Amino acid sequence: MTFRPYEANQSEAVDTAVKVAESLQGGRSFRSFAEHLLSQQIWCWGQDIMHPDGNWLLEQGFQRERPPVNRKKCSSVYTLRLSEDRCVILRGFGVFWGDKRFGGVFLRRFEFQPLYSAASSLECPPWSEEDMPEFSATANPRDLAGQTLLLDLIGWVRSYEEQAIDQLGIEYRQAVLNKWDNGRRPIVPAADVTAAWQHVSDSLTSEFAKSKSAASA
């Protein structure tokens, strides 16, 4: 099964989605909102692995690599090859997106601070964060590569959630989120998750445009 391509200019209910997401953000900063949304998303991926009807990541085409004996305390690495050029790697501590045209970007869980690399793939499976290569914390605002990497990753996450809700049901996704809710974490309800990721994409696009304008001044 393949993921439907993400279309940045989807017109259905865009205005409503933006209003919903801005309402969800509330008084929090954008970064805080995005950090909590990413952490929630990583929880959802972990729960999708344990879906009652079977590992849903495997059903969607992810390859699972189990840890070697000397790393047996680590969890399996899940990699999805979207094409010959692009891949996404899911870990409990973050998510990596690689594109041979632009390099790679890593989003660490609990920190919505994109980390960039010229490498579009990882030399060894990232059993832990110590296995990750060196990254740069900044991207040149004039350079579209880093911006494209990040926006493509966000777009893919949004598409993933859209399909998860469509195929597994919104009741399942909300049940997963109910288990994540400890009474202290800000939770984005299942019905609003795709709108929330669209809000993240739109906010980043605006931020990149402002950075480019400032750099040109």
Protein backbone atom coordinates (compact mmCIF):
# COMPACT_ATOMS: atom_id res chain seq x y z
CA MET A 1 0.00 0.00 0.00
CA THR A 2 1.29 3.45 -0.87
CA PHE A 3 0.67 6.80 0.71
CA ARG A 4 -1.26 9.37 -1.23
CA PRO A 5 1.00 12.27 -2.15
CA TYR A 6 0.65 15.31 0.03
CA GLU A 7 -0.72 18.31 -1.83
CA ALA A 8 0.25 21.61 -0.25
CA ASN A 9 -2.62 23.43 -1.98
CA GLN A 10 -5.48 21.15 -0.98
CA SER A 11 -8.55 23.33 -0.89
CA GLU A 12 -10.97 21.29 1.19
CA ALA A 13 -11.71 23.04 4.45
CA VAL A 14 -8.35 24.82 4.55
CA ASP A 15 -9.75 27.94 6.19
CA THR A 16 -11.55 25.87 8.81
CA ALA A 17 -8.42 23.79 9.43
CA VAL A 18 -6.34 26.89 10.07
CA LYS A 19 -8.90 28.30 12.49
CA VAL A 20 -9.08 25.01 14.38
CA ALA A 21 -5.29 24.71 14.64
CA GLU A 22 -4.83 28.29 15.78
CA SER A 23 -7.46 27.67 18.42
CA LEU A 24 -5.62 24.52 19.55
CA GLN A 25 -2.37 26.44 19.84
CA GLY A 26 -4.07 28.77 22.26
CA GLY A 27 -1.66 30.87 24.27
CA ARG A 28 1.31 28.59 23.63
CA SER A 29 4.16 29.60 21.37
CA PHE A 30 4.32 27.94 17.97
CA ARG A 31 7.44 26.00 19.00
CA SER A 32 5.78 24.66 22.14
CA PHE A 33 2.71 23.66 20.14
CA ALA A 34 4.82 21.88 17.51
CA GLU A 35 6.94 20.10 20.14
CA HIS A 36 3.89 18.66 21.87
CA LEU A 37 2.31 17.71 18.55
CA LEU A 38 5.46 15.87 17.45
CA SER A 39 5.74 14.02 20.75
CA GLN A 40 2.10 13.02 20.47
CA GLN A 41 2.71 11.81 16.92
CA ILE A 42 5.64 9.62 17.96
CA TRP A 43 3.41 8.07 20.61
CA CYS A 44 0.84 7.32 17.90
CA TRP A 45 3.44 5.59 15.71
CA GLY A 46 4.38 3.39 18.63
CA GLN A 47 0.75 2.48 19.21
CA ASP A 48 0.18 1.78 15.51
CA ILE A 49 2.95 -0.82 15.72
CA MET A 50 0.83 -2.59 18.35
CA HIS A 51 -2.50 -2.30 16.52
CA PRO A 52 -4.85 -5.16 17.48
CA ASP A 53 -5.07 -6.33 13.87
CA GLY A 54 -1.31 -6.32 13.36
CA ASN A 55 1.63 -3.95 12.97
CA TRP A 56 0.18 -1.14 10.86
CA LEU A 57 3.58 0.32 10.00
CA LEU A 58 4.55 -2.95 8.35
CA GLU A 59 1.25 -2.98 6.48
CA GLN A 60 2.07 0.47 5.11
CA GLY A 61 5.38 -0.68 3.68
CA PHE A 62 7.81 0.11 6.49
CA GLN A 63 10.81 -2.16 6.89
CA ARG A 64 11.57 -3.24 10.45
CA GLU A 65 15.15 -3.83 11.55
CA ARG A 66 15.48 -5.52 14.91
CA PRO A 67 18.38 -4.54 17.17
CA PRO A 68 21.53 -6.69 17.28
CA VAL A 69 22.40 -8.65 20.38
CA ASN A 70 24.71 -5.92 21.67
CA ARG A 71 21.88 -3.37 21.39
CA LYS A 72 19.06 -5.59 22.59
CA LYS A 73 17.70 -2.90 24.93
CA CYS A 74 16.95 -0.69 21.92
CA SER A 75 13.70 -0.85 19.96
CA SER A 76 13.42 -1.79 16.29
CA VAL A 77 14.16 0.76 13.57
CA TYR A 78 11.34 1.45 11.10
CA THR A 79 12.25 2.73 7.63
CA LEU A 80 9.92 3.59 4.74
CA ARG A 81 11.37 4.01 1.26
CA LEU A 82 9.02 6.42 -0.46
CA SER A 83 11.05 6.37 -3.67
CA GLU A 84 14.62 5.82 -4.79
CA ASP A 85 15.37 9.32 -3.53
CA ARG A 86 13.35 9.67 -0.34
CA CYS A 87 13.00 7.83 2.95
CA VAL A 88 11.65 8.36 6.45
CA ILE A 89 12.98 6.69 9.59
CA LEU A 90 10.92 6.54 12.78
CA ARG A 91 12.40 6.28 16.27
CA GLY A 92 11.06 6.82 19.73
CA PHE A 93 13.46 9.75 20.12
CA GLY A 94 12.70 11.46 16.81
CA VAL A 95 12.13 11.19 13.07
CA PHE A 96 14.57 11.46 10.16
CA TRP A 97 13.65 12.45 6.61
CA GLY A 98 16.12 12.02 3.77
CA ASP A 99 16.02 13.18 0.16
CA LYS A 100 18.98 12.60 -2.16
CA ARG A 101 18.34 15.96 -3.82
CA PHE A 102 18.61 17.99 -0.61
CA GLY A 103 20.13 15.95 2.23
CA GLY A 104 18.41 15.05 5.49
CA VAL A 105 16.57 16.61 8.41
CA PHE A 106 16.09 15.22 11.91
CA LEU A 107 13.43 16.30 14.38
CA ARG A 108 14.25 15.32 17.93
CA ARG A 109 11.35 14.42 20.17
CA PHE A 110 10.49 17.14 22.71
CA GLU A 111 12.44 19.72 20.66
CA PHE A 112 11.00 21.17 17.51
CA GLN A 113 14.42 22.32 16.34
CA PRO A 114 15.22 20.96 12.87
CA LEU A 115 18.72 19.54 12.50
CA TYR A 116 20.12 19.36 8.98
CA SER A 117 22.64 17.10 7.27
CA ALA A 118 24.12 16.90 3.78
CA ALA A 119 23.58 13.14 3.97
CA SER A 120 20.20 11.83 2.84
CA SER A 121 20.68 8.43 4.49
CA LEU A 122 22.16 7.07 7.69
CA GLU A 123 25.30 4.95 7.62
CA CYS A 124 24.06 2.71 10.41
CA PRO A 125 20.64 2.10 11.97
CA PRO A 126 19.95 4.70 14.65
CA TRP A 127 19.49 2.39 17.62
CA SER A 128 19.93 5.39 19.89
CA GLU A 129 20.47 9.09 19.41
CA GLU A 130 24.22 8.54 19.81
CA ASP A 131 24.16 6.70 16.46
CA MET A 132 22.94 9.78 14.62
CA PRO A 133 25.46 11.72 12.48
CA GLU A 134 26.47 15.32 13.09
CA PHE A 135 23.83 17.84 12.15
CA SER A 136 23.68 21.57 11.68
CA ALA A 137 21.08 23.44 13.71
CA THR A 138 20.62 26.14 11.09
CA ALA A 139 19.73 26.34 7.43
CA ASN A 140 20.54 29.24 5.16
CA PRO A 141 17.26 31.16 4.65
CA ARG A 142 18.27 31.64 1.01
CA ASP A 143 18.75 27.90 0.58
CA LEU A 144 15.53 26.10 -0.28
CA ALA A 145 16.98 22.65 0.46
CA GLY A 146 16.52 22.74 4.24
CA GLN A 147 13.11 24.36 3.95
CA THR A 148 11.97 21.76 1.43
CA LEU A 149 13.18 18.89 3.61
CA LEU A 150 11.29 20.13 6.65
CA LEU A 151 8.09 20.99 4.82
CA ASP A 152 8.10 17.66 2.97
CA LEU A 153 8.50 15.81 6.26
CA ILE A 154 5.61 17.74 7.83
CA GLY A 155 3.52 17.08 4.74
CA TRP A 156 4.22 13.37 4.94
CA VAL A 157 3.24 13.25 8.62
CA ARG A 158 -0.02 14.98 7.82
CA SER A 159 -0.69 12.50 5.01
CA TYR A 160 0.11 9.59 7.33
CA GLU A 161 -2.40 10.77 9.92
CA GLU A 162 -5.01 11.38 7.25
CA GLN A 163 -4.68 7.79 6.07
CA ALA A 164 -4.52 6.35 9.58
CA ILE A 165 -7.80 8.02 10.48
CA ASP A 166 -9.34 7.03 7.13
CA GLN A 167 -8.32 3.38 7.34
CA LEU A 168 -8.15 2.64 11.06
CA GLY A 169 -10.95 4.95 12.11
CA ILE A 170 -11.09 8.13 14.11
CA GLU A 171 -12.35 6.16 17.12
CA TYR A 172 -9.14 4.11 17.14
CA ARG A 173 -6.93 7.19 16.90
CA GLN A 174 -8.83 8.95 19.67
CA ALA A 175 -8.53 5.84 21.85
CA VAL A 176 -4.76 5.96 21.29
CA LEU A 177 -4.70 9.62 22.32
CA ASN A 178 -6.80 8.92 25.39
CA LYS A 179 -4.03 6.60 26.59
CA TRP A 180 -1.48 9.38 25.95
CA ASP A 181 -3.51 11.88 27.99
CA ASN A 182 -2.14 11.92 31.54
CA GLY A 183 -4.08 15.04 32.52
CA ARG A 184 -1.02 17.28 32.13
CA ARG A 185 -0.05 17.00 28.49
CA PRO A 186 -1.77 19.25 25.95
CA ILE A 187 -3.57 16.86 23.59
CA VAL A 188 -4.66 17.54 20.03
CA PRO A 189 -7.88 15.52 19.47
CA ALA A 190 -7.93 13.00 16.63
CA ALA A 191 -10.44 15.07 14.70
CA ASP A 192 -8.03 18.03 14.65
CA VAL A 193 -4.65 16.35 14.11
CA THR A 194 -4.42 16.86 10.35
CA ALA A 195 -5.47 20.49 10.76
CA ALA A 196 -2.78 20.90 13.42
CA TRP A 197 -0.06 19.57 11.10
CA GLN A 198 -1.32 21.86 8.34
CA HIS A 199 -1.01 24.73 10.78
CA VAL A 200 2.60 23.74 11.48
CA SER A 201 3.33 23.66 7.74
CA ASP A 202 1.69 27.02 7.12
CA SER A 203 3.48 28.63 10.07
CA LEU A 204 6.86 27.34 8.89
CA THR A 205 6.22 28.56 5.36
CA SER A 206 5.46 32.02 6.72
CA GLU A 207 8.54 31.90 8.96
CA PHE A 208 10.79 30.92 6.05
CA ALA A 209 9.39 33.73 3.92
CA LYS A 210 10.12 36.29 6.66
CA SER A 211 13.67 34.94 7.11
CA LYS A 212 14.32 35.18 3.40
CA SER A 213 12.99 38.72 3.29
CA ALA A 214 15.16 39.75 6.25
CA ALA A 215 18.23 38.16 4.68
CA SER A 216 17.61 40.06 1.45
CA ALA A 217 17.22 43.40 3.19
